[in-house]
Amino acid sequence: MMHQKKTLTRGLTSLLLGGAIVAASGAAVTAVAQDAQPEKTKVTKRSVSSGRDPFKRYEPPRPTMVKRIAGQANVPSIQERISQYKAQKLAAMNARMTAPKPTTALLLSEIQVVAITRTPRGYAAIIEATPIKLSYVIYPGEPFYDGQLVAIEDNRLVFRHDVVFTDGRRERSVETKPLRQPTPVNTVTVSPAAASGESVATAKP
């Protein structure tokens, strides 16, 4: 009887020890397996705040337009304009074409209205080119460097004034010039060259 109790006790003890050893072995294997597995990379979600409504259709930004203010194109000097007139007249003569009028070298701001008269061709005006002190007889339609004579009235001339800008833009306006009042100082006698329409380059006061 005593011998059976001891044998049963030893058997239970062996069974418990065996179970403990198996449990310890399983825990050790699980730990080793966990250590062997690579660590998962943590993915960090990056939030981008663009300030745009995600439910609205994307529209590309419009290009910014820079306004450029174009200045008035430079006007050549009177001597340069006379040289251009000479070259144009020579080219026209060689091509047997009508030579340009000498007034094409003059600016509207460089002339004064000396007199207005009536001729067989209609109304005519006598003007003086102040930079070169020469006088010319002109009729409606007479071209100038920056305009054209439109009409001759009783006491004034009506011009079309053209202004050219550096960007190629051209503006037109109406400009009038009154008849100059005669005084003892500025009384002008029209030269024969003016009556014959001689060129600016060759006419003499």
N, C-alpha and C. Protein backbone atom coordinates (compact mmCIF):
# COMPACT_ATOMS: atom_id res chain seq x y z
N MET A 1 0.83 -1.20 0.00
CA MET A 1 0.00 0.00 0.00
C MET A 1 0.86 1.25 0.00
N MET A 2 1.79 1.34 0.88
CA MET A 2 2.75 2.44 0.95
C MET A 2 3.54 2.52 -0.32
N HIS A 3 3.91 1.38 -0.89
CA HIS A 3 4.71 1.32 -2.11
C HIS A 3 3.91 1.88 -3.28
N GLN A 4 2.63 1.66 -3.39
CA GLN A 4 1.78 2.17 -4.47
C GLN A 4 1.64 3.68 -4.37
N LYS A 5 1.51 4.24 -3.14
CA LYS A 5 1.41 5.68 -2.97
C LYS A 5 2.66 6.38 -3.43
N LYS A 6 3.82 5.80 -3.11
CA LYS A 6 5.08 6.41 -3.52
C LYS A 6 5.21 6.38 -5.04
N THR A 7 4.81 5.25 -5.60
CA THR A 7 4.91 5.14 -7.07
C THR A 7 3.99 6.13 -7.74
N LEU A 8 2.75 6.30 -7.21
CA LEU A 8 1.81 7.26 -7.78
C LEU A 8 2.32 8.69 -7.63
N THR A 9 2.95 8.99 -6.50
CA THR A 9 3.48 10.34 -6.27
C THR A 9 4.60 10.65 -7.25
N ARG A 10 5.49 9.65 -7.42
CA ARG A 10 6.60 9.85 -8.37
C ARG A 10 6.08 10.04 -9.80
N GLY A 11 5.05 9.32 -10.13
CA GLY A 11 4.48 9.45 -11.49
C GLY A 11 3.88 10.83 -11.73
N LEU A 12 3.15 11.32 -10.73
CA LEU A 12 2.56 12.66 -10.87
C LEU A 12 3.64 13.75 -10.97
N THR A 13 4.68 13.54 -10.14
CA THR A 13 5.77 14.52 -10.16
C THR A 13 6.45 14.54 -11.52
N SER A 14 6.69 13.35 -12.07
CA SER A 14 7.34 13.27 -13.39
C SER A 14 6.45 13.90 -14.47
N LEU A 15 5.14 13.68 -14.34
CA LEU A 15 4.23 14.24 -15.34
C LEU A 15 4.20 15.76 -15.28
N LEU A 16 4.19 16.29 -14.05
CA LEU A 16 4.20 17.75 -13.91
C LEU A 16 5.49 18.36 -14.43
N LEU A 17 6.62 17.67 -14.09
CA LEU A 17 7.90 18.19 -14.59
C LEU A 17 7.96 18.17 -16.12
N GLY A 18 7.42 17.07 -16.67
CA GLY A 18 7.41 16.98 -18.15
C GLY A 18 6.57 18.07 -18.78
N GLY A 19 5.40 18.33 -18.17
CA GLY A 19 4.55 19.40 -18.71
C GLY A 19 5.22 20.76 -18.60
N ALA A 20 5.92 20.99 -17.47
CA ALA A 20 6.60 22.27 -17.30
C ALA A 20 7.69 22.44 -18.32
N ILE A 21 8.44 21.33 -18.59
CA ILE A 21 9.53 21.40 -19.57
C ILE A 21 8.99 21.68 -20.96
N VAL A 22 7.88 21.00 -21.30
CA VAL A 22 7.27 21.22 -22.63
C VAL A 22 6.78 22.66 -22.77
N ALA A 23 6.16 23.22 -21.73
CA ALA A 23 5.66 24.59 -21.78
C ALA A 23 6.79 25.58 -21.93
N ALA A 24 7.90 25.30 -21.17
CA ALA A 24 9.06 26.19 -21.27
C ALA A 24 9.66 26.13 -22.65
N SER A 25 9.72 24.95 -23.23
CA SER A 25 10.28 24.80 -24.58
C SER A 25 9.42 25.53 -25.60
N GLY A 26 8.10 25.45 -25.47
CA GLY A 26 7.20 26.14 -26.41
C GLY A 26 7.35 27.65 -26.33
N ALA A 27 7.50 28.13 -25.09
CA ALA A 27 7.66 29.58 -24.92
C ALA A 27 8.96 30.05 -25.54
N ALA A 28 10.01 29.21 -25.35
CA ALA A 28 11.31 29.59 -25.92
C ALA A 28 11.25 29.60 -27.44
N VAL A 29 10.59 28.62 -28.04
CA VAL A 29 10.47 28.57 -29.51
C VAL A 29 9.69 29.76 -30.02
N THR A 30 8.59 30.11 -29.32
CA THR A 30 7.79 31.26 -29.73
C THR A 30 8.59 32.55 -29.68
N ALA A 31 9.41 32.71 -28.62
CA ALA A 31 10.24 33.91 -28.48
C ALA A 31 11.26 33.99 -29.60
N VAL A 32 11.89 32.80 -29.91
CA VAL A 32 12.89 32.79 -30.98
C VAL A 32 12.25 33.12 -32.31
N ALA A 33 11.02 32.57 -32.55
CA ALA A 33 10.33 32.84 -33.81
C ALA A 33 9.98 34.32 -33.94
N GLN A 34 9.57 34.93 -32.84
CA GLN A 34 9.24 36.36 -32.89
C GLN A 34 10.48 37.20 -33.15
N ASP A 35 11.62 36.75 -32.54
CA ASP A 35 12.86 37.50 -32.79
C ASP A 35 13.33 37.34 -34.23
N ALA A 36 13.03 36.20 -34.82
CA ALA A 36 13.50 35.94 -36.18
C ALA A 36 12.69 36.71 -37.21
N GLN A 37 11.41 37.04 -36.91
CA GLN A 37 10.59 37.76 -37.87
C GLN A 37 11.07 39.20 -38.00
N PRO A 38 11.18 39.72 -39.25
CA PRO A 38 11.62 41.13 -39.43
C PRO A 38 10.56 42.09 -38.94
N GLU A 39 11.02 43.19 -38.43
CA GLU A 39 10.09 44.20 -37.94
C GLU A 39 9.39 44.87 -39.12
N LYS A 40 8.08 45.02 -38.98
CA LYS A 40 7.31 45.67 -40.02
C LYS A 40 7.59 47.17 -40.03
N THR A 41 7.79 47.70 -41.26
CA THR A 41 8.06 49.12 -41.41
C THR A 41 6.78 49.91 -41.18
N LYS A 42 6.88 50.86 -40.35
CA LYS A 42 5.72 51.69 -40.05
C LYS A 42 5.54 52.72 -41.17
N VAL A 43 4.37 52.74 -41.73
CA VAL A 43 4.06 53.67 -42.82
C VAL A 43 3.41 54.90 -42.21
N THR A 44 4.05 56.02 -42.47
CA THR A 44 3.52 57.28 -41.95
C THR A 44 2.78 58.00 -43.06
N LYS A 45 1.54 58.25 -42.85
CA LYS A 45 0.75 58.95 -43.83
C LYS A 45 1.06 60.44 -43.76
N ARG A 46 1.44 60.96 -44.94
CA ARG A 46 1.79 62.38 -45.02
C ARG A 46 0.58 63.14 -45.57
N SER A 47 0.17 64.08 -44.84
CA SER A 47 -0.98 64.88 -45.26
C SER A 47 -0.48 66.19 -45.84
N VAL A 48 -0.90 66.45 -47.05
CA VAL A 48 -0.50 67.68 -47.73
C VAL A 48 -1.69 68.63 -47.74
N SER A 49 -1.46 69.79 -47.19
CA SER A 49 -2.52 70.78 -47.13
C SER A 49 -2.23 71.85 -48.18
N SER A 50 -2.93 71.79 -49.29
CA SER A 50 -2.72 72.76 -50.37
C SER A 50 -3.72 73.90 -50.32
N GLY A 51 -4.69 73.83 -49.43
CA GLY A 51 -5.68 74.88 -49.35
C GLY A 51 -6.71 74.81 -50.44
N ARG A 52 -6.73 73.74 -51.27
CA ARG A 52 -7.68 73.60 -52.36
C ARG A 52 -8.76 72.62 -51.98
N ASP A 53 -9.97 72.87 -52.43
CA ASP A 53 -11.10 72.00 -52.14
C ASP A 53 -10.92 70.69 -52.91
N PRO A 54 -10.81 69.53 -52.21
CA PRO A 54 -10.58 68.26 -52.92
C PRO A 54 -11.75 67.82 -53.78
N PHE A 55 -12.93 68.39 -53.56
CA PHE A 55 -14.10 68.00 -54.34
C PHE A 55 -14.34 68.94 -55.53
N LYS A 56 -13.46 69.92 -55.71
CA LYS A 56 -13.60 70.86 -56.81
C LYS A 56 -12.62 70.51 -57.91
N ARG A 57 -13.04 70.67 -59.16
CA ARG A 57 -12.19 70.34 -60.29
C ARG A 57 -10.98 71.26 -60.32
N TYR A 58 -9.83 70.65 -60.59
CA TYR A 58 -8.58 71.42 -60.59
C TYR A 58 -8.53 72.36 -61.79
N GLU A 59 -8.18 73.59 -61.54
CA GLU A 59 -8.00 74.58 -62.60
C GLU A 59 -6.60 75.16 -62.48
N PRO A 60 -5.82 75.10 -63.57
CA PRO A 60 -4.47 75.66 -63.50
C PRO A 60 -4.52 77.17 -63.28
N PRO A 61 -3.53 77.72 -62.60
CA PRO A 61 -3.53 79.17 -62.35
C PRO A 61 -3.37 79.94 -63.65
N ARG A 62 -4.07 81.04 -63.73
CA ARG A 62 -3.99 81.86 -64.93
C ARG A 62 -2.70 82.67 -64.94
N PRO A 63 -2.08 82.79 -66.11
CA PRO A 63 -0.83 83.58 -66.17
C PRO A 63 -1.11 85.04 -65.89
N THR A 64 -0.19 85.65 -65.18
CA THR A 64 -0.33 87.05 -64.82
C THR A 64 0.11 87.91 -65.99
N MET A 65 -0.77 88.77 -66.44
CA MET A 65 -0.45 89.66 -67.54
C MET A 65 0.18 90.93 -67.00
N VAL A 66 1.34 91.25 -67.55
CA VAL A 66 2.06 92.46 -67.14
C VAL A 66 1.81 93.54 -68.19
N LYS A 67 1.21 94.60 -67.76
CA LYS A 67 0.93 95.69 -68.69
C LYS A 67 2.19 96.51 -68.92
N ARG A 68 2.50 96.66 -70.20
CA ARG A 68 3.66 97.45 -70.58
C ARG A 68 3.18 98.75 -71.22
N ILE A 69 3.67 99.81 -70.70
CA ILE A 69 3.30 101.12 -71.24
C ILE A 69 4.34 101.51 -72.27
N ALA A 70 3.90 101.59 -73.51
CA ALA A 70 4.81 101.92 -74.59
C ALA A 70 4.91 103.44 -74.70
N GLY A 71 6.12 103.93 -74.91
CA GLY A 71 6.35 105.34 -75.07
C GLY A 71 6.27 105.73 -76.53
N GLN A 72 6.27 107.02 -76.75
CA GLN A 72 6.22 107.52 -78.12
C GLN A 72 7.55 107.27 -78.81
N ALA A 73 7.48 106.85 -80.06
CA ALA A 73 8.70 106.56 -80.81
C ALA A 73 9.50 107.84 -81.02
N ASN A 74 10.83 107.68 -81.02
CA ASN A 74 11.70 108.83 -81.21
C ASN A 74 11.58 109.37 -82.62
N VAL A 75 11.55 110.67 -82.74
CA VAL A 75 11.45 111.34 -84.04
C VAL A 75 12.85 111.80 -84.45
N PRO A 76 13.28 111.48 -85.66
CA PRO A 76 14.61 111.93 -86.11
C PRO A 76 14.71 113.45 -86.14
N SER A 77 15.91 113.94 -86.13
CA SER A 77 16.12 115.38 -86.19
C SER A 77 15.76 115.90 -87.59
N ILE A 78 15.66 117.21 -87.72
CA ILE A 78 15.29 117.80 -88.99
C ILE A 78 16.32 117.49 -90.07
N GLN A 79 17.60 117.45 -89.71
CA GLN A 79 18.64 117.13 -90.68
C GLN A 79 18.52 115.68 -91.15
N GLU A 80 18.22 114.76 -90.24
CA GLU A 80 18.04 113.36 -90.63
C GLU A 80 16.81 113.20 -91.54
N ARG A 81 15.75 113.93 -91.24
CA ARG A 81 14.55 113.85 -92.07
C ARG A 81 14.79 114.43 -93.46
N ILE A 82 15.59 115.49 -93.54
CA ILE A 82 15.93 116.06 -94.85
C ILE A 82 16.77 115.07 -95.65
N SER A 83 17.69 114.36 -94.98
CA SER A 83 18.51 113.35 -95.67
C SER A 83 17.62 112.22 -96.19
N GLN A 84 16.65 111.80 -95.39
CA GLN A 84 15.73 110.77 -95.85
C GLN A 84 14.92 111.26 -97.06
N TYR A 85 14.51 112.52 -97.01
CA TYR A 85 13.75 113.07 -98.14
C TYR A 85 14.60 113.09 -99.41
N LYS A 86 15.87 113.47 -99.30
CA LYS A 86 16.76 113.47 -100.47
C LYS A 86 16.88 112.07 -101.08
N ALA A 87 17.05 111.07 -100.20
CA ALA A 87 17.19 109.70 -100.69
C ALA A 87 15.91 109.23 -101.37
N GLN A 88 14.76 109.56 -100.79
CA GLN A 88 13.48 109.16 -101.39
C GLN A 88 13.26 109.87 -102.73
N LYS A 89 13.64 111.13 -102.82
CA LYS A 89 13.48 111.87 -104.07
C LYS A 89 14.37 111.30 -105.16
N LEU A 90 15.62 110.97 -104.81
CA LEU A 90 16.53 110.40 -105.78
C LEU A 90 16.04 109.04 -106.27
N ALA A 91 15.55 108.21 -105.35
CA ALA A 91 15.03 106.89 -105.74
C ALA A 91 13.81 107.04 -106.65
N ALA A 92 12.96 108.02 -106.37
CA ALA A 92 11.78 108.23 -107.21
C ALA A 92 12.18 108.71 -108.60
N MET A 93 13.16 109.58 -108.68
CA MET A 93 13.62 110.06 -109.98
C MET A 93 14.23 108.93 -110.80
N ASN A 94 15.02 108.05 -110.16
CA ASN A 94 15.62 106.93 -110.88
C ASN A 94 14.56 105.94 -111.36
N ALA A 95 13.48 105.81 -110.58
CA ALA A 95 12.40 104.90 -110.97
C ALA A 95 11.36 105.58 -111.84
N ARG A 96 11.60 106.86 -112.19
CA ARG A 96 10.66 107.64 -113.01
C ARG A 96 9.27 107.68 -112.38
N MET A 97 9.28 107.94 -111.11
CA MET A 97 8.03 108.06 -110.36
C MET A 97 7.93 109.47 -109.80
N THR A 98 6.74 109.80 -109.31
CA THR A 98 6.52 111.13 -108.74
C THR A 98 7.32 111.29 -107.45
N ALA A 99 8.07 112.36 -107.37
CA ALA A 99 8.90 112.59 -106.18
C ALA A 99 8.02 112.99 -105.00
N PRO A 100 8.42 112.63 -103.78
CA PRO A 100 7.63 113.02 -102.60
C PRO A 100 7.66 114.53 -102.39
N LYS A 101 6.65 115.03 -101.70
CA LYS A 101 6.57 116.46 -101.40
C LYS A 101 7.61 116.82 -100.34
N PRO A 102 8.16 118.02 -100.41
CA PRO A 102 9.15 118.42 -99.39
C PRO A 102 8.56 118.51 -97.99
N THR A 103 7.23 118.65 -97.88
CA THR A 103 6.62 118.74 -96.55
C THR A 103 6.68 117.41 -95.79
N THR A 104 7.01 116.31 -96.49
CA THR A 104 7.09 115.02 -95.79
C THR A 104 8.24 114.99 -94.79
N ALA A 105 9.12 115.98 -94.84
CA ALA A 105 10.22 116.05 -93.88
C ALA A 105 9.90 116.93 -92.68
N LEU A 106 8.71 117.51 -92.65
CA LEU A 106 8.35 118.47 -91.60
C LEU A 106 7.33 117.88 -90.63
N LEU A 107 7.47 118.25 -89.37
CA LEU A 107 6.48 117.92 -88.35
C LEU A 107 5.41 119.00 -88.30
N LEU A 108 4.23 118.63 -87.85
CA LEU A 108 3.17 119.62 -87.72
C LEU A 108 3.53 120.70 -86.71
N SER A 109 4.31 120.32 -85.72
CA SER A 109 4.72 121.30 -84.71
C SER A 109 5.79 122.26 -85.21
N GLU A 110 6.30 122.02 -86.40
CA GLU A 110 7.38 122.86 -86.93
C GLU A 110 6.90 123.85 -87.99
N ILE A 111 5.59 123.97 -88.17
CA ILE A 111 5.09 124.87 -89.20
C ILE A 111 4.19 125.93 -88.59
N GLN A 112 4.10 127.05 -89.28
CA GLN A 112 3.19 128.13 -88.94
C GLN A 112 2.43 128.55 -90.18
N VAL A 113 1.16 128.89 -90.00
CA VAL A 113 0.31 129.30 -91.12
C VAL A 113 0.51 130.79 -91.35
N VAL A 114 1.07 131.12 -92.52
CA VAL A 114 1.37 132.52 -92.83
C VAL A 114 0.18 133.19 -93.51
N ALA A 115 -0.43 132.49 -94.46
CA ALA A 115 -1.53 133.09 -95.20
C ALA A 115 -2.42 132.00 -95.79
N ILE A 116 -3.66 132.39 -96.07
CA ILE A 116 -4.62 131.50 -96.73
C ILE A 116 -5.18 132.25 -97.94
N THR A 117 -5.13 131.63 -99.09
CA THR A 117 -5.53 132.28 -100.32
C THR A 117 -6.33 131.34 -101.19
N ARG A 118 -6.97 131.91 -102.23
CA ARG A 118 -7.75 131.11 -103.16
C ARG A 118 -7.03 131.08 -104.51
N THR A 119 -6.88 129.91 -105.07
CA THR A 119 -6.18 129.71 -106.33
C THR A 119 -7.12 128.99 -107.31
N PRO A 120 -6.70 128.87 -108.58
CA PRO A 120 -7.52 128.10 -109.52
C PRO A 120 -7.74 126.66 -109.07
N ARG A 121 -6.87 126.14 -108.25
CA ARG A 121 -7.03 124.77 -107.75
C ARG A 121 -7.89 124.72 -106.49
N GLY A 122 -8.31 125.86 -106.00
CA GLY A 122 -9.07 125.90 -104.76
C GLY A 122 -8.30 126.64 -103.69
N TYR A 123 -8.68 126.42 -102.45
CA TYR A 123 -8.00 127.09 -101.35
C TYR A 123 -6.59 126.53 -101.18
N ALA A 124 -5.66 127.44 -100.89
CA ALA A 124 -4.27 127.07 -100.62
C ALA A 124 -3.80 127.84 -99.40
N ALA A 125 -2.77 127.31 -98.78
CA ALA A 125 -2.21 127.95 -97.60
C ALA A 125 -0.71 128.11 -97.78
N ILE A 126 -0.20 129.17 -97.23
CA ILE A 126 1.24 129.40 -97.24
C ILE A 126 1.73 129.17 -95.81
N ILE A 127 2.65 128.23 -95.67
CA ILE A 127 3.19 127.89 -94.35
C ILE A 127 4.68 128.18 -94.32
N GLU A 128 5.20 128.33 -93.12
CA GLU A 128 6.63 128.53 -92.93
C GLU A 128 7.16 127.39 -92.06
N ALA A 129 8.25 126.76 -92.51
CA ALA A 129 8.94 125.74 -91.72
C ALA A 129 9.91 126.47 -90.80
N THR A 130 9.57 126.51 -89.53
CA THR A 130 10.36 127.31 -88.60
C THR A 130 11.80 126.83 -88.42
N PRO A 131 12.10 125.51 -88.47
CA PRO A 131 13.51 125.13 -88.24
C PRO A 131 14.45 125.59 -89.35
N ILE A 132 13.94 125.66 -90.60
CA ILE A 132 14.82 126.00 -91.72
C ILE A 132 14.44 127.32 -92.36
N LYS A 133 13.41 127.99 -91.84
CA LYS A 133 12.99 129.31 -92.31
C LYS A 133 12.67 129.30 -93.81
N LEU A 134 11.89 128.32 -94.26
CA LEU A 134 11.45 128.23 -95.65
C LEU A 134 9.93 128.24 -95.70
N SER A 135 9.39 128.77 -96.80
CA SER A 135 7.94 128.86 -96.96
C SER A 135 7.50 127.97 -98.11
N TYR A 136 6.25 127.42 -97.98
CA TYR A 136 5.71 126.51 -98.99
C TYR A 136 4.23 126.80 -99.17
N VAL A 137 3.75 126.54 -100.39
CA VAL A 137 2.32 126.58 -100.68
C VAL A 137 1.79 125.16 -100.63
N ILE A 138 0.76 124.95 -99.82
CA ILE A 138 0.23 123.60 -99.64
C ILE A 138 -1.26 123.59 -99.92
N TYR A 139 -1.79 122.40 -100.26
CA TYR A 139 -3.19 122.18 -100.58
C TYR A 139 -3.73 121.04 -99.71
N PRO A 140 -5.04 120.92 -99.61
CA PRO A 140 -5.60 119.78 -98.86
C PRO A 140 -5.08 118.46 -99.39
N GLY A 141 -4.72 117.56 -98.48
CA GLY A 141 -4.12 116.28 -98.83
C GLY A 141 -2.62 116.29 -98.75
N GLU A 142 -2.01 117.45 -98.46
CA GLU A 142 -0.54 117.55 -98.39
C GLU A 142 -0.02 116.67 -97.25
N PRO A 143 0.96 115.79 -97.53
CA PRO A 143 1.48 114.91 -96.47
C PRO A 143 2.58 115.60 -95.66
N PHE A 144 2.63 115.22 -94.39
CA PHE A 144 3.69 115.67 -93.48
C PHE A 144 4.30 114.43 -92.82
N TYR A 145 5.36 114.66 -92.08
CA TYR A 145 6.05 113.52 -91.46
C TYR A 145 5.15 112.82 -90.46
N ASP A 146 4.34 113.56 -89.74
CA ASP A 146 3.49 112.95 -88.70
C ASP A 146 2.02 113.32 -88.89
N GLY A 147 1.61 113.51 -90.15
CA GLY A 147 0.21 113.82 -90.36
C GLY A 147 -0.09 114.20 -91.80
N GLN A 148 -1.24 114.84 -91.97
CA GLN A 148 -1.69 115.23 -93.31
C GLN A 148 -2.66 116.40 -93.19
N LEU A 149 -2.58 117.30 -94.16
CA LEU A 149 -3.52 118.42 -94.21
C LEU A 149 -4.86 117.91 -94.71
N VAL A 150 -5.92 118.14 -93.91
CA VAL A 150 -7.24 117.63 -94.26
C VAL A 150 -8.08 118.70 -94.92
N ALA A 151 -8.09 119.91 -94.38
CA ALA A 151 -8.96 120.96 -94.91
C ALA A 151 -8.34 122.32 -94.64
N ILE A 152 -8.71 123.26 -95.49
CA ILE A 152 -8.30 124.66 -95.33
C ILE A 152 -9.56 125.48 -95.13
N GLU A 153 -9.64 126.14 -93.99
CA GLU A 153 -10.79 126.99 -93.69
C GLU A 153 -10.39 128.46 -93.81
N ASP A 154 -11.30 129.35 -93.47
CA ASP A 154 -11.04 130.78 -93.68
C ASP A 154 -9.85 131.28 -92.87
N ASN A 155 -9.73 130.80 -91.64
CA ASN A 155 -8.68 131.34 -90.77
C ASN A 155 -7.87 130.26 -90.05
N ARG A 156 -7.96 129.02 -90.54
CA ARG A 156 -7.19 127.96 -89.90
C ARG A 156 -7.05 126.77 -90.84
N LEU A 157 -6.09 125.89 -90.49
CA LEU A 157 -5.87 124.64 -91.21
C LEU A 157 -6.23 123.47 -90.29
N VAL A 158 -6.81 122.42 -90.87
CA VAL A 158 -7.19 121.23 -90.11
C VAL A 158 -6.30 120.08 -90.56
N PHE A 159 -5.63 119.46 -89.59
CA PHE A 159 -4.68 118.38 -89.88
C PHE A 159 -5.14 117.10 -89.21
N ARG A 160 -4.69 115.98 -89.77
CA ARG A 160 -4.76 114.68 -89.09
C ARG A 160 -3.38 114.41 -88.51
N HIS A 161 -3.32 114.27 -87.21
CA HIS A 161 -2.04 114.07 -86.52
C HIS A 161 -1.86 112.60 -86.16
N ASP A 162 -0.75 112.01 -86.60
CA ASP A 162 -0.44 110.60 -86.32
C ASP A 162 0.68 110.52 -85.28
N VAL A 163 0.44 109.72 -84.25
CA VAL A 163 1.44 109.49 -83.21
C VAL A 163 1.78 108.01 -83.21
N VAL A 164 3.06 107.67 -83.39
CA VAL A 164 3.51 106.29 -83.45
C VAL A 164 4.23 105.97 -82.14
N PHE A 165 3.90 104.79 -81.56
CA PHE A 165 4.51 104.36 -80.32
C PHE A 165 5.54 103.25 -80.59
N THR A 166 6.36 102.97 -79.60
CA THR A 166 7.45 102.01 -79.77
C THR A 166 6.95 100.59 -80.00
N ASP A 167 5.73 100.27 -79.59
CA ASP A 167 5.19 98.93 -79.81
C ASP A 167 4.46 98.79 -81.15
N GLY A 168 4.57 99.81 -82.01
CA GLY A 168 3.94 99.77 -83.31
C GLY A 168 2.53 100.33 -83.34
N ARG A 169 2.00 100.64 -82.17
CA ARG A 169 0.64 101.19 -82.12
C ARG A 169 0.63 102.61 -82.67
N ARG A 170 -0.46 102.97 -83.34
CA ARG A 170 -0.58 104.29 -83.95
C ARG A 170 -1.89 104.94 -83.50
N GLU A 171 -1.79 106.18 -83.06
CA GLU A 171 -2.97 106.94 -82.65
C GLU A 171 -3.14 108.14 -83.55
N ARG A 172 -4.38 108.43 -83.90
CA ARG A 172 -4.68 109.55 -84.77
C ARG A 172 -5.61 110.53 -84.06
N SER A 173 -5.38 111.79 -84.31
CA SER A 173 -6.19 112.84 -83.71
C SER A 173 -6.28 114.00 -84.69
N VAL A 174 -7.20 114.91 -84.41
CA VAL A 174 -7.40 116.09 -85.24
C VAL A 174 -6.68 117.27 -84.59
N GLU A 175 -5.92 117.98 -85.38
CA GLU A 175 -5.17 119.14 -84.89
C GLU A 175 -5.42 120.32 -85.82
N THR A 176 -5.63 121.47 -85.24
CA THR A 176 -5.86 122.68 -86.03
C THR A 176 -4.76 123.69 -85.78
N LYS A 177 -4.47 124.48 -86.80
CA LYS A 177 -3.47 125.54 -86.67
C LYS A 177 -4.09 126.84 -87.18
N PRO A 178 -4.16 127.85 -86.34
CA PRO A 178 -4.78 129.12 -86.75
C PRO A 178 -3.83 129.93 -87.64
N LEU A 179 -4.40 130.86 -88.31
CA LEU A 179 -3.62 131.76 -89.14
C LEU A 179 -2.80 132.68 -88.25
N ARG A 180 -1.53 132.77 -88.57
CA ARG A 180 -0.65 133.62 -87.77
C ARG A 180 -0.97 135.08 -88.00
N GLN A 181 -1.07 135.82 -86.93
CA GLN A 181 -1.37 137.24 -87.04
C GLN A 181 -0.12 137.99 -87.49
N PRO A 182 -0.21 138.78 -88.55
CA PRO A 182 0.98 139.49 -89.03
C PRO A 182 1.40 140.59 -88.07
N THR A 183 2.70 140.70 -87.89
CA THR A 183 3.29 141.75 -87.06
C THR A 183 4.49 142.30 -87.82
N PRO A 184 4.96 143.46 -87.43
CA PRO A 184 6.15 144.00 -88.13
C PRO A 184 7.37 143.09 -88.01
N VAL A 185 7.40 142.23 -86.98
CA VAL A 185 8.57 141.40 -86.76
C VAL A 185 8.51 140.14 -87.61
N ASN A 186 7.34 139.51 -87.69
CA ASN A 186 7.25 138.21 -88.36
C ASN A 186 6.60 138.27 -89.74
N THR A 187 6.55 139.43 -90.36
CA THR A 187 6.02 139.52 -91.71
C THR A 187 6.95 138.76 -92.64
N VAL A 188 6.39 137.84 -93.40
CA VAL A 188 7.18 136.96 -94.24
C VAL A 188 6.80 137.17 -95.69
N THR A 189 7.79 137.23 -96.54
CA THR A 189 7.57 137.28 -97.98
C THR A 189 7.81 135.90 -98.53
N VAL A 190 6.84 135.37 -99.25
CA VAL A 190 6.95 134.02 -99.76
C VAL A 190 8.01 133.98 -100.84
N SER A 191 8.93 133.04 -100.73
CA SER A 191 10.02 132.90 -101.70
C SER A 191 9.53 132.25 -102.97
N PRO A 192 10.20 132.47 -104.11
CA PRO A 192 9.81 131.78 -105.35
C PRO A 192 9.87 130.27 -105.21
N ALA A 193 10.75 129.77 -104.39
CA ALA A 193 10.84 128.32 -104.20
C ALA A 193 9.56 127.76 -103.62
N ALA A 194 8.90 128.52 -102.71
CA ALA A 194 7.66 128.04 -102.12
C ALA A 194 6.56 127.95 -103.16
N ALA A 195 6.50 128.95 -104.03
CA ALA A 195 5.44 128.95 -105.03
C ALA A 195 5.61 127.83 -106.04
N SER A 196 6.88 127.46 -106.32
CA SER A 196 7.13 126.40 -107.30
C SER A 196 7.15 125.02 -106.67
N GLY A 197 7.06 124.96 -105.33
CA GLY A 197 7.05 123.67 -104.66
C GLY A 197 8.42 123.02 -104.63
N GLU A 198 9.49 123.79 -104.58
CA GLU A 198 10.84 123.24 -104.56
C GLU A 198 11.09 122.51 -103.27
N SER A 199 11.97 121.54 -103.26
CA SER A 199 12.19 120.68 -102.10
C SER A 199 12.82 121.43 -100.95
N VAL A 200 12.67 120.86 -99.77
CA VAL A 200 13.24 121.45 -98.57
C VAL A 200 14.75 121.44 -98.65
N ALA A 201 15.30 120.42 -99.25
CA ALA A 201 16.75 120.28 -99.26
C ALA A 201 17.44 121.28 -100.15
N THR A 202 16.79 121.72 -101.24
CA THR A 202 17.47 122.58 -102.18
C THR A 202 16.98 124.02 -102.17
N ALA A 203 15.82 124.27 -101.57
CA ALA A 203 15.28 125.62 -101.55
C ALA A 203 16.09 126.51 -100.62
N LYS A 204 16.21 127.78 -100.99
CA LYS A 204 16.93 128.73 -100.18
C LYS A 204 16.00 129.86 -99.77
N PRO A 205 16.15 130.37 -98.56
CA PRO A 205 15.26 131.46 -98.11
C PRO A 205 15.52 132.73 -98.89
